[in-house]
Amino acid sequence: MTTPKIGNMAPAFTTVNQQGETVSLKDFRGQKNVVLYFYPKASTPGCTVQACGLNDHISAYEKLDTVILGISPDPVPRLQKFIEKYDLNFDLLSDVDHPVADKYGVWGQKKMAGREYMGLIRTTFIIGKDGRLKAVMAKVRTKTHHDDALALVEEHCF
């Protein structure tokens, strides 16, 4: 599993959001910085804390010309329920067969309760307006993720 290198162009992707609308990374190039965060499963405790923290601080991201995109292997209907239940104000992207996670090197071996399995590894990528990867958060703390990601946007995108 290899994550993209900082300074290189972020891997291009096109997928669908919670409403089934097509979203491509290139849509933001030249206009917005992107916080692309990969999370394992909508409506689970850690993923909910992470999403709600980002949502509660969305205005701080908007002031920095930054959009938040959450991406998981969840199907579109599950993403829509997650958005509605927690009144989230940013797009969640569906990566059912994990092609985007594969490109970013975040689909891999996980361990939980003594069991090993393949799954999505919680990781965040900070992408500049130029489309280049500025920072990678490999060790994500769900409770402080919103502040940690914001600090990286401020540090690397301005």
N, C-alpha and C. Protein backbone atom coordinates (compact mmCIF):
# COMPACT_ATOMS: atom_id res chain seq x y z
N MET A 1 0.85 -1.19 0.00
CA MET A 1 0.00 0.00 0.00
C MET A 1 0.89 1.24 0.00
N THR A 2 0.75 2.05 -1.03
CA THR A 2 1.57 3.24 -1.16
C THR A 2 0.67 4.47 -1.25
N THR A 3 0.89 5.43 -0.37
CA THR A 3 0.13 6.68 -0.46
C THR A 3 0.86 7.61 -1.43
N PRO A 4 0.11 8.50 -2.07
CA PRO A 4 0.74 9.45 -2.98
C PRO A 4 1.74 10.33 -2.25
N LYS A 5 2.71 10.82 -2.96
CA LYS A 5 3.77 11.64 -2.37
C LYS A 5 3.37 13.11 -2.30
N ILE A 6 3.71 13.74 -1.17
CA ILE A 6 3.46 15.17 -1.00
C ILE A 6 4.23 15.92 -2.08
N GLY A 7 3.56 16.90 -2.68
CA GLY A 7 4.15 17.69 -3.75
C GLY A 7 3.72 17.21 -5.13
N ASN A 8 3.32 15.94 -5.24
CA ASN A 8 2.83 15.41 -6.51
C ASN A 8 1.36 15.79 -6.69
N MET A 9 0.88 15.66 -7.91
CA MET A 9 -0.54 15.87 -8.17
C MET A 9 -1.31 14.80 -7.40
N ALA A 10 -2.41 15.21 -6.78
CA ALA A 10 -3.27 14.25 -6.09
C ALA A 10 -3.91 13.35 -7.14
N PRO A 11 -4.04 12.06 -6.86
CA PRO A 11 -4.66 11.17 -7.84
C PRO A 11 -6.06 11.64 -8.24
N ALA A 12 -6.29 11.69 -9.53
CA ALA A 12 -7.59 12.13 -10.06
C ALA A 12 -8.64 11.07 -9.76
N PHE A 13 -9.87 11.52 -9.56
CA PHE A 13 -10.97 10.58 -9.39
C PHE A 13 -12.28 11.25 -9.77
N THR A 14 -13.24 10.42 -10.12
CA THR A 14 -14.61 10.84 -10.33
C THR A 14 -15.48 9.77 -9.69
N THR A 15 -16.42 10.21 -8.86
CA THR A 15 -17.34 9.28 -8.21
C THR A 15 -18.66 10.03 -7.99
N VAL A 16 -19.55 9.50 -7.18
CA VAL A 16 -20.83 10.16 -6.94
C VAL A 16 -20.99 10.53 -5.47
N ASN A 17 -21.75 11.61 -5.25
CA ASN A 17 -22.02 12.05 -3.88
C ASN A 17 -23.31 11.43 -3.35
N GLN A 18 -23.74 11.92 -2.21
CA GLN A 18 -24.92 11.38 -1.52
C GLN A 18 -26.20 11.52 -2.32
N GLN A 19 -26.21 12.36 -3.35
CA GLN A 19 -27.40 12.54 -4.18
C GLN A 19 -27.24 11.87 -5.54
N GLY A 20 -26.15 11.12 -5.71
CA GLY A 20 -25.91 10.45 -6.97
C GLY A 20 -25.33 11.36 -8.04
N GLU A 21 -24.92 12.58 -7.65
CA GLU A 21 -24.33 13.53 -8.59
C GLU A 21 -22.83 13.25 -8.74
N THR A 22 -22.33 13.41 -9.96
CA THR A 22 -20.92 13.17 -10.23
C THR A 22 -20.06 14.27 -9.62
N VAL A 23 -18.99 13.87 -8.94
CA VAL A 23 -18.03 14.79 -8.36
C VAL A 23 -16.63 14.32 -8.78
N SER A 24 -15.85 15.25 -9.33
CA SER A 24 -14.47 14.96 -9.73
C SER A 24 -13.53 15.88 -8.97
N LEU A 25 -12.36 15.38 -8.64
CA LEU A 25 -11.37 16.23 -7.97
C LEU A 25 -11.04 17.44 -8.83
N LYS A 26 -10.98 17.25 -10.15
CA LYS A 26 -10.62 18.35 -11.05
C LYS A 26 -11.63 19.50 -11.00
N ASP A 27 -12.84 19.25 -10.49
CA ASP A 27 -13.86 20.31 -10.37
C ASP A 27 -13.37 21.46 -9.48
N PHE A 28 -12.43 21.17 -8.59
CA PHE A 28 -12.00 22.16 -7.60
C PHE A 28 -10.67 22.82 -7.96
N ARG A 29 -9.96 22.28 -8.95
CA ARG A 29 -8.64 22.79 -9.29
C ARG A 29 -8.71 24.25 -9.71
N GLY A 30 -7.81 25.03 -9.13
CA GLY A 30 -7.76 26.46 -9.44
C GLY A 30 -8.76 27.28 -8.66
N GLN A 31 -9.64 26.62 -7.91
CA GLN A 31 -10.70 27.34 -7.20
C GLN A 31 -10.70 27.11 -5.69
N LYS A 32 -10.50 25.87 -5.28
CA LYS A 32 -10.64 25.52 -3.86
C LYS A 32 -9.54 24.56 -3.42
N ASN A 33 -9.14 24.68 -2.17
CA ASN A 33 -8.35 23.64 -1.52
C ASN A 33 -9.34 22.54 -1.15
N VAL A 34 -8.84 21.34 -0.98
CA VAL A 34 -9.72 20.21 -0.67
C VAL A 34 -9.19 19.44 0.53
N VAL A 35 -10.06 19.21 1.51
CA VAL A 35 -9.78 18.27 2.59
C VAL A 35 -10.52 17.00 2.17
N LEU A 36 -9.76 15.99 1.73
CA LEU A 36 -10.33 14.72 1.31
C LEU A 36 -10.09 13.73 2.43
N TYR A 37 -11.16 13.38 3.13
CA TYR A 37 -10.96 12.46 4.25
C TYR A 37 -11.67 11.14 4.00
N PHE A 38 -10.93 10.07 4.19
CA PHE A 38 -11.44 8.72 4.02
C PHE A 38 -11.86 8.20 5.40
N TYR A 39 -13.08 7.69 5.48
CA TYR A 39 -13.58 7.15 6.73
C TYR A 39 -14.24 5.80 6.46
N PRO A 40 -14.19 4.87 7.43
CA PRO A 40 -14.64 3.50 7.17
C PRO A 40 -16.13 3.30 6.91
N LYS A 41 -17.01 3.92 7.71
CA LYS A 41 -18.43 3.60 7.56
C LYS A 41 -19.31 4.68 8.17
N ALA A 42 -20.26 5.15 7.40
CA ALA A 42 -21.20 6.19 7.85
C ALA A 42 -22.00 5.72 9.06
N SER A 43 -22.27 6.66 9.96
CA SER A 43 -23.12 6.47 11.14
C SER A 43 -22.52 5.58 12.22
N THR A 44 -21.23 5.28 12.13
CA THR A 44 -20.58 4.58 13.22
C THR A 44 -20.05 5.65 14.19
N PRO A 45 -19.78 5.31 15.44
CA PRO A 45 -19.42 6.34 16.42
C PRO A 45 -18.24 7.24 16.02
N GLY A 46 -17.11 6.67 15.67
CA GLY A 46 -15.94 7.48 15.32
C GLY A 46 -16.17 8.33 14.08
N CYS A 47 -16.82 7.74 13.09
CA CYS A 47 -17.07 8.47 11.84
C CYS A 47 -18.07 9.61 12.05
N THR A 48 -19.01 9.41 12.96
CA THR A 48 -19.98 10.46 13.26
C THR A 48 -19.30 11.62 13.99
N VAL A 49 -18.46 11.32 14.97
CA VAL A 49 -17.71 12.36 15.69
C VAL A 49 -16.87 13.17 14.69
N GLN A 50 -16.19 12.47 13.80
CA GLN A 50 -15.33 13.12 12.81
C GLN A 50 -16.14 14.03 11.89
N ALA A 51 -17.23 13.52 11.32
CA ALA A 51 -18.05 14.29 10.39
C ALA A 51 -18.70 15.49 11.08
N CYS A 52 -19.22 15.29 12.27
CA CYS A 52 -19.89 16.40 12.98
C CYS A 52 -18.89 17.48 13.38
N GLY A 53 -17.67 17.09 13.75
CA GLY A 53 -16.63 18.07 14.07
C GLY A 53 -16.31 18.94 12.87
N LEU A 54 -16.15 18.31 11.71
CA LEU A 54 -15.88 19.07 10.48
C LEU A 54 -17.06 19.99 10.16
N ASN A 55 -18.27 19.44 10.27
CA ASN A 55 -19.47 20.21 9.96
C ASN A 55 -19.61 21.43 10.87
N ASP A 56 -19.31 21.27 12.15
CA ASP A 56 -19.42 22.36 13.11
C ASP A 56 -18.43 23.49 12.84
N HIS A 57 -17.36 23.19 12.11
CA HIS A 57 -16.32 24.18 11.82
C HIS A 57 -16.22 24.52 10.34
N ILE A 58 -17.28 24.23 9.59
CA ILE A 58 -17.23 24.39 8.14
C ILE A 58 -16.97 25.85 7.72
N SER A 59 -17.46 26.81 8.51
CA SER A 59 -17.25 28.22 8.13
C SER A 59 -15.77 28.58 8.16
N ALA A 60 -15.00 27.99 9.07
CA ALA A 60 -13.56 28.25 9.13
C ALA A 60 -12.88 27.72 7.86
N TYR A 61 -13.33 26.59 7.37
CA TYR A 61 -12.79 26.04 6.13
C TYR A 61 -13.18 26.91 4.93
N GLU A 62 -14.44 27.35 4.92
CA GLU A 62 -14.91 28.18 3.81
C GLU A 62 -14.12 29.48 3.72
N LYS A 63 -13.76 30.05 4.87
CA LYS A 63 -12.95 31.28 4.87
C LYS A 63 -11.58 31.07 4.25
N LEU A 64 -11.12 29.83 4.24
CA LEU A 64 -9.82 29.48 3.65
C LEU A 64 -9.98 28.88 2.25
N ASP A 65 -11.12 29.14 1.61
CA ASP A 65 -11.39 28.61 0.26
C ASP A 65 -11.17 27.11 0.20
N THR A 66 -11.71 26.40 1.16
CA THR A 66 -11.49 24.97 1.27
C THR A 66 -12.82 24.22 1.36
N VAL A 67 -12.94 23.17 0.55
CA VAL A 67 -14.11 22.29 0.62
C VAL A 67 -13.71 21.01 1.34
N ILE A 68 -14.69 20.40 1.96
CA ILE A 68 -14.51 19.13 2.65
C ILE A 68 -15.23 18.06 1.84
N LEU A 69 -14.54 16.97 1.57
CA LEU A 69 -15.14 15.83 0.89
C LEU A 69 -14.83 14.59 1.73
N GLY A 70 -15.88 13.94 2.22
CA GLY A 70 -15.71 12.69 2.94
C GLY A 70 -15.93 11.55 1.96
N ILE A 71 -15.16 10.49 2.07
CA ILE A 71 -15.30 9.37 1.13
C ILE A 71 -15.20 8.05 1.89
N SER A 72 -16.13 7.15 1.55
CA SER A 72 -16.19 5.84 2.22
C SER A 72 -16.72 4.80 1.24
N PRO A 73 -16.62 3.53 1.61
CA PRO A 73 -17.16 2.49 0.74
C PRO A 73 -18.68 2.34 0.83
N ASP A 74 -19.34 3.27 1.49
CA ASP A 74 -20.80 3.20 1.64
C ASP A 74 -21.52 3.49 0.33
N PRO A 75 -22.66 2.83 0.10
CA PRO A 75 -23.48 3.15 -1.07
C PRO A 75 -24.20 4.49 -0.88
N VAL A 76 -24.66 5.07 -1.97
CA VAL A 76 -25.30 6.39 -1.96
C VAL A 76 -26.44 6.50 -0.94
N PRO A 77 -27.38 5.55 -0.86
CA PRO A 77 -28.49 5.71 0.12
C PRO A 77 -28.00 5.83 1.56
N ARG A 78 -26.96 5.10 1.93
CA ARG A 78 -26.43 5.20 3.30
C ARG A 78 -25.81 6.57 3.54
N LEU A 79 -25.14 7.12 2.52
CA LEU A 79 -24.56 8.46 2.65
C LEU A 79 -25.66 9.50 2.84
N GLN A 80 -26.73 9.37 2.08
CA GLN A 80 -27.84 10.32 2.18
C GLN A 80 -28.46 10.28 3.58
N LYS A 81 -28.62 9.10 4.14
CA LYS A 81 -29.17 8.98 5.50
C LYS A 81 -28.24 9.64 6.52
N PHE A 82 -26.94 9.45 6.35
CA PHE A 82 -25.94 10.03 7.26
C PHE A 82 -26.02 11.56 7.20
N ILE A 83 -26.09 12.10 6.00
CA ILE A 83 -26.19 13.56 5.80
C ILE A 83 -27.46 14.09 6.49
N GLU A 84 -28.58 13.42 6.24
CA GLU A 84 -29.86 13.88 6.80
C GLU A 84 -29.90 13.76 8.32
N LYS A 85 -29.40 12.66 8.84
CA LYS A 85 -29.46 12.43 10.29
C LYS A 85 -28.65 13.47 11.06
N TYR A 86 -27.50 13.87 10.52
CA TYR A 86 -26.62 14.80 11.24
C TYR A 86 -26.55 16.18 10.60
N ASP A 87 -27.40 16.44 9.61
CA ASP A 87 -27.49 17.75 8.96
C ASP A 87 -26.11 18.23 8.49
N LEU A 88 -25.41 17.36 7.79
CA LEU A 88 -24.07 17.68 7.31
C LEU A 88 -24.13 18.59 6.10
N ASN A 89 -23.21 19.56 6.05
CA ASN A 89 -23.22 20.57 5.00
C ASN A 89 -22.04 20.43 4.03
N PHE A 90 -21.62 19.21 3.78
CA PHE A 90 -20.57 18.97 2.79
C PHE A 90 -20.85 17.61 2.14
N ASP A 91 -20.23 17.40 0.98
CA ASP A 91 -20.49 16.17 0.23
C ASP A 91 -19.78 14.97 0.83
N LEU A 92 -20.51 13.87 0.81
CA LEU A 92 -19.94 12.57 1.12
C LEU A 92 -19.93 11.79 -0.20
N LEU A 93 -18.82 11.13 -0.48
CA LEU A 93 -18.64 10.44 -1.75
C LEU A 93 -18.64 8.93 -1.55
N SER A 94 -19.26 8.25 -2.50
CA SER A 94 -19.36 6.79 -2.46
C SER A 94 -18.21 6.16 -3.24
N ASP A 95 -17.54 5.22 -2.59
CA ASP A 95 -16.40 4.50 -3.18
C ASP A 95 -16.60 3.01 -2.92
N VAL A 96 -17.76 2.49 -3.39
CA VAL A 96 -18.21 1.14 -3.05
C VAL A 96 -17.16 0.06 -3.30
N ASP A 97 -16.58 0.02 -4.45
CA ASP A 97 -15.58 -1.02 -4.76
C ASP A 97 -14.16 -0.53 -4.50
N HIS A 98 -14.02 0.57 -3.78
CA HIS A 98 -12.81 1.23 -3.31
C HIS A 98 -11.74 1.56 -4.37
N PRO A 99 -12.13 1.97 -5.60
CA PRO A 99 -11.09 2.37 -6.56
C PRO A 99 -10.35 3.64 -6.15
N VAL A 100 -11.06 4.58 -5.51
CA VAL A 100 -10.41 5.82 -5.08
C VAL A 100 -9.49 5.52 -3.90
N ALA A 101 -9.98 4.74 -2.95
CA ALA A 101 -9.15 4.35 -1.80
C ALA A 101 -7.89 3.63 -2.27
N ASP A 102 -8.01 2.80 -3.30
CA ASP A 102 -6.84 2.11 -3.84
C ASP A 102 -5.83 3.11 -4.40
N LYS A 103 -6.32 4.11 -5.15
CA LYS A 103 -5.43 5.13 -5.73
C LYS A 103 -4.67 5.90 -4.65
N TYR A 104 -5.33 6.11 -3.51
CA TYR A 104 -4.72 6.87 -2.42
C TYR A 104 -3.99 5.98 -1.41
N GLY A 105 -4.00 4.68 -1.65
CA GLY A 105 -3.27 3.75 -0.80
C GLY A 105 -3.85 3.57 0.58
N VAL A 106 -5.17 3.74 0.71
CA VAL A 106 -5.79 3.65 2.04
C VAL A 106 -6.73 2.45 2.19
N TRP A 107 -6.68 1.51 1.25
CA TRP A 107 -7.42 0.26 1.40
C TRP A 107 -6.38 -0.79 1.76
N GLY A 108 -6.51 -1.38 2.94
CA GLY A 108 -5.49 -2.32 3.34
C GLY A 108 -5.89 -3.19 4.52
N GLN A 109 -4.90 -3.89 5.04
CA GLN A 109 -5.08 -4.82 6.15
C GLN A 109 -5.39 -4.05 7.44
N LYS A 110 -6.44 -4.49 8.12
CA LYS A 110 -6.82 -3.90 9.40
C LYS A 110 -6.96 -5.01 10.43
N LYS A 111 -6.87 -4.63 11.70
CA LYS A 111 -7.08 -5.57 12.80
C LYS A 111 -8.06 -4.98 13.78
N MET A 112 -9.01 -5.81 14.22
CA MET A 112 -9.93 -5.39 15.27
C MET A 112 -10.41 -6.62 16.01
N ALA A 113 -10.34 -6.57 17.31
CA ALA A 113 -10.79 -7.67 18.18
C ALA A 113 -10.13 -8.99 17.77
N GLY A 114 -8.83 -8.93 17.44
CA GLY A 114 -8.09 -10.12 17.09
C GLY A 114 -8.36 -10.66 15.70
N ARG A 115 -9.18 -9.95 14.94
CA ARG A 115 -9.56 -10.37 13.60
C ARG A 115 -8.83 -9.51 12.57
N GLU A 116 -8.33 -10.11 11.51
CA GLU A 116 -7.70 -9.35 10.43
C GLU A 116 -8.62 -9.35 9.22
N TYR A 117 -8.71 -8.22 8.56
CA TYR A 117 -9.57 -8.09 7.39
C TYR A 117 -9.10 -6.91 6.55
N MET A 118 -9.58 -6.85 5.31
CA MET A 118 -9.27 -5.73 4.43
C MET A 118 -10.34 -4.65 4.65
N GLY A 119 -9.89 -3.41 4.71
CA GLY A 119 -10.83 -2.32 4.91
C GLY A 119 -10.19 -0.97 4.66
N LEU A 120 -10.98 0.06 4.85
CA LEU A 120 -10.52 1.43 4.62
C LEU A 120 -9.77 1.94 5.85
N ILE A 121 -8.60 2.48 5.63
CA ILE A 121 -7.77 3.02 6.71
C ILE A 121 -8.03 4.53 6.80
N ARG A 122 -8.52 4.97 7.94
CA ARG A 122 -8.89 6.38 8.13
C ARG A 122 -7.67 7.27 7.89
N THR A 123 -7.78 8.09 6.85
CA THR A 123 -6.67 8.96 6.44
C THR A 123 -7.24 10.22 5.82
N THR A 124 -6.54 11.34 5.97
CA THR A 124 -6.97 12.61 5.38
C THR A 124 -5.86 13.18 4.52
N PHE A 125 -6.26 13.71 3.37
CA PHE A 125 -5.33 14.32 2.43
C PHE A 125 -5.70 15.79 2.25
N ILE A 126 -4.72 16.67 2.35
CA ILE A 126 -4.92 18.10 2.11
C ILE A 126 -4.39 18.38 0.71
N ILE A 127 -5.28 18.87 -0.15
CA ILE A 127 -4.94 19.12 -1.56
C ILE A 127 -5.10 20.61 -1.83
N GLY A 128 -4.08 21.22 -2.39
CA GLY A 128 -4.10 22.64 -2.69
C GLY A 128 -4.92 22.97 -3.93
N LYS A 129 -5.15 24.26 -4.14
CA LYS A 129 -5.89 24.71 -5.31
C LYS A 129 -5.20 24.29 -6.60
N ASP A 130 -3.89 24.08 -6.54
CA ASP A 130 -3.13 23.66 -7.72
C ASP A 130 -3.26 22.16 -8.00
N GLY A 131 -4.02 21.46 -7.15
CA GLY A 131 -4.23 20.03 -7.36
C GLY A 131 -3.13 19.16 -6.78
N ARG A 132 -2.16 19.80 -6.12
CA ARG A 132 -1.04 19.04 -5.55
C ARG A 132 -1.32 18.65 -4.10
N LEU A 133 -0.81 17.49 -3.73
CA LEU A 133 -0.96 17.01 -2.38
C LEU A 133 -0.05 17.81 -1.45
N LYS A 134 -0.63 18.46 -0.46
CA LYS A 134 0.12 19.32 0.46
C LYS A 134 0.47 18.62 1.77
N ALA A 135 -0.41 17.75 2.26
CA ALA A 135 -0.17 17.08 3.54
C ALA A 135 -1.03 15.81 3.62
N VAL A 136 -0.56 14.87 4.44
CA VAL A 136 -1.29 13.62 4.68
C VAL A 136 -1.40 13.43 6.18
N MET A 137 -2.59 13.15 6.65
CA MET A 137 -2.82 12.81 8.05
C MET A 137 -3.08 11.31 8.12
N ALA A 138 -2.04 10.56 8.48
CA ALA A 138 -2.17 9.11 8.56
C ALA A 138 -2.71 8.67 9.91
N LYS A 139 -2.39 9.41 10.94
CA LYS A 139 -2.88 9.10 12.28
C LYS A 139 -3.98 10.11 12.61
N VAL A 140 -5.22 9.71 12.38
CA VAL A 140 -6.35 10.62 12.57
C VAL A 140 -6.99 10.37 13.92
N ARG A 141 -7.14 11.45 14.69
CA ARG A 141 -7.90 11.39 15.94
C ARG A 141 -9.26 12.01 15.65
N THR A 142 -10.30 11.21 15.71
CA THR A 142 -11.62 11.68 15.28
C THR A 142 -12.11 12.90 16.07
N LYS A 143 -11.79 12.97 17.35
CA LYS A 143 -12.28 14.07 18.18
C LYS A 143 -11.64 15.42 17.85
N THR A 144 -10.41 15.41 17.34
CA THR A 144 -9.71 16.67 17.03
C THR A 144 -9.43 16.82 15.54
N HIS A 145 -9.97 15.93 14.74
CA HIS A 145 -9.69 15.93 13.30
C HIS A 145 -9.96 17.29 12.66
N HIS A 146 -11.09 17.91 13.02
CA HIS A 146 -11.46 19.20 12.41
C HIS A 146 -10.39 20.26 12.65
N ASP A 147 -9.84 20.34 13.87
CA ASP A 147 -8.78 21.31 14.18
C ASP A 147 -7.46 20.93 13.53
N ASP A 148 -7.13 19.64 13.55
CA ASP A 148 -5.88 19.17 12.97
C ASP A 148 -5.84 19.43 11.47
N ALA A 149 -6.93 19.12 10.77
CA ALA A 149 -6.99 19.34 9.32
C ALA A 149 -6.95 20.83 9.00
N LEU A 150 -7.67 21.63 9.77
CA LEU A 150 -7.68 23.08 9.54
C LEU A 150 -6.28 23.67 9.69
N ALA A 151 -5.54 23.22 10.69
CA ALA A 151 -4.17 23.70 10.90
C ALA A 151 -3.29 23.35 9.70
N LEU A 152 -3.48 22.18 9.13
CA LEU A 152 -2.70 21.79 7.95
C LEU A 152 -3.06 22.63 6.73
N VAL A 153 -4.34 22.94 6.57
CA VAL A 153 -4.74 23.82 5.46
C VAL A 153 -4.08 25.18 5.62
N GLU A 154 -4.14 25.74 6.83
CA GLU A 154 -3.53 27.05 7.09
C GLU A 154 -2.01 27.02 6.83
N GLU A 155 -1.37 25.94 7.25
CA GLU A 155 0.08 25.83 7.14
C GLU A 155 0.56 25.60 5.71
N HIS A 156 -0.15 24.77 4.96
CA HIS A 156 0.35 24.33 3.66
C HIS A 156 -0.31 24.99 2.45
N CYS A 157 -1.43 25.64 2.64
CA CYS A 157 -2.16 26.19 1.49
C CYS A 157 -2.12 27.72 1.44
N PHE A 158 -1.46 28.34 2.45
CA PHE A 158 -1.43 29.81 2.47
C PHE A 158 -0.04 30.32 2.80
